[in-house]
C-alpha cells in the first residue's frame, strides 16, 4: 500500500465548496453588521442619555432662577 492510494482525489464536490464559501460570506457579513450595530447603538444611547441629563440640568437652573 502506498500513501498515494489513501488520499482521495476529490475530497469535496464543487457545490459543497460553494456552500462553504456562501456560509463564510454570510458569517462575515453578519459579524461586521453586528460590530457596526453595537457601536452605533451604544453611541445612540450615550448621546440620548447625555441630552437628557443636559435637559434636566437646564430645567433645574430655570426653576432656581425663578
Protein backbone atom coordinates (compact mmCIF):
# COMPACT_ATOMS: atom_id res chain seq x y z
CA UNK A 1 0.00 0.00 0.00
CA UNK A 2 1.36 3.34 -0.95
CA UNK A 3 0.49 6.64 0.65
CA UNK A 4 -0.86 7.96 -2.63
CA UNK A 5 -3.68 5.42 -2.74
CA UNK A 6 -5.08 6.63 0.61
CA UNK A 7 -5.52 10.28 -0.46
CA UNK A 8 -8.93 10.81 -2.11
CA UNK A 9 -8.86 12.52 -5.46
CA UNK A 10 -11.85 14.81 -4.83
CA UNK A 11 -12.49 15.43 -1.15
CA UNK A 12 -15.35 17.85 -1.79
CA UNK A 13 -17.63 18.45 -4.71
CA UNK A 14 -17.85 21.91 -6.22
CA UNK A 15 -21.35 22.54 -4.79
CA UNK A 16 -20.09 21.80 -1.28
CA UNK A 17 -17.25 24.24 -1.84
CA UNK A 18 -19.69 26.94 -3.00
CA UNK A 19 -21.91 26.25 0.00
CA UNK A 20 -18.95 26.64 2.33
CA UNK A 21 -17.96 29.93 0.66
CA UNK A 22 -21.55 31.17 0.94
CA UNK A 23 -21.58 30.23 4.64
CA UNK A 24 -18.33 32.10 5.26
CA UNK A 25 -19.61 35.14 3.36
CA UNK A 26 -22.86 35.29 5.36
CA UNK A 27 -20.97 34.74 8.61
CA UNK A 28 -18.53 37.55 7.82
CA UNK A 29 -21.31 39.95 6.79
CA UNK A 30 -23.20 39.11 9.97
CA UNK A 31 -20.13 39.69 12.13
CA UNK A 32 -19.39 43.12 10.66
CA UNK A 33 -23.08 44.12 10.75
CA UNK A 34 -23.23 43.17 14.44
CA UNK A 35 -19.98 45.05 15.08
CA UNK A 36 -21.39 48.18 13.38
CA UNK A 37 -24.77 47.97 15.11
CA UNK A 38 -23.26 47.53 18.57
CA UNK A 39 -21.11 50.61 18.01
CA UNK A 40 -24.00 52.63 16.59
CA UNK A 41 -26.48 51.67 19.31
CA UNK A 42 -24.02 52.41 22.12
CA UNK A 43 -23.28 55.80 20.53
CA UNK A 44 -27.02 56.48 20.23
CA UNK A 45 -27.81 55.50 23.84
CA UNK A 46 -24.88 57.54 25.19
CA UNK A 47 -25.90 60.62 23.20
CA UNK A 48 -29.56 60.33 24.21
CA UNK A 49 -28.61 59.93 27.87
CA UNK A 50 -26.29 62.94 27.74
CA UNK A 51 -29.00 65.09 26.15
CA UNK A 52 -31.50 64.01 28.82
CA UNK A 53 -29.04 64.95 31.58
CA UNK A 54 -28.43 68.36 29.98
CA UNK A 55 -32.19 68.99 29.73
CA UNK A 56 -32.69 68.12 33.41
CA UNK A 57 -29.84 70.45 34.42
CA UNK A 58 -31.30 73.28 32.32
CA UNK A 59 -34.74 72.70 33.85
CA UNK A 60 -33.28 72.86 37.40
CA UNK A 61 -31.42 76.06 36.58
CA UNK A 62 -34.56 77.60 35.11
CA UNK A 63 -36.56 76.67 38.23
CA UNK A 64 -33.89 78.08 40.56
CA UNK A 65 -33.74 81.34 38.59
CA UNK A 66 -37.45 81.94 39.05
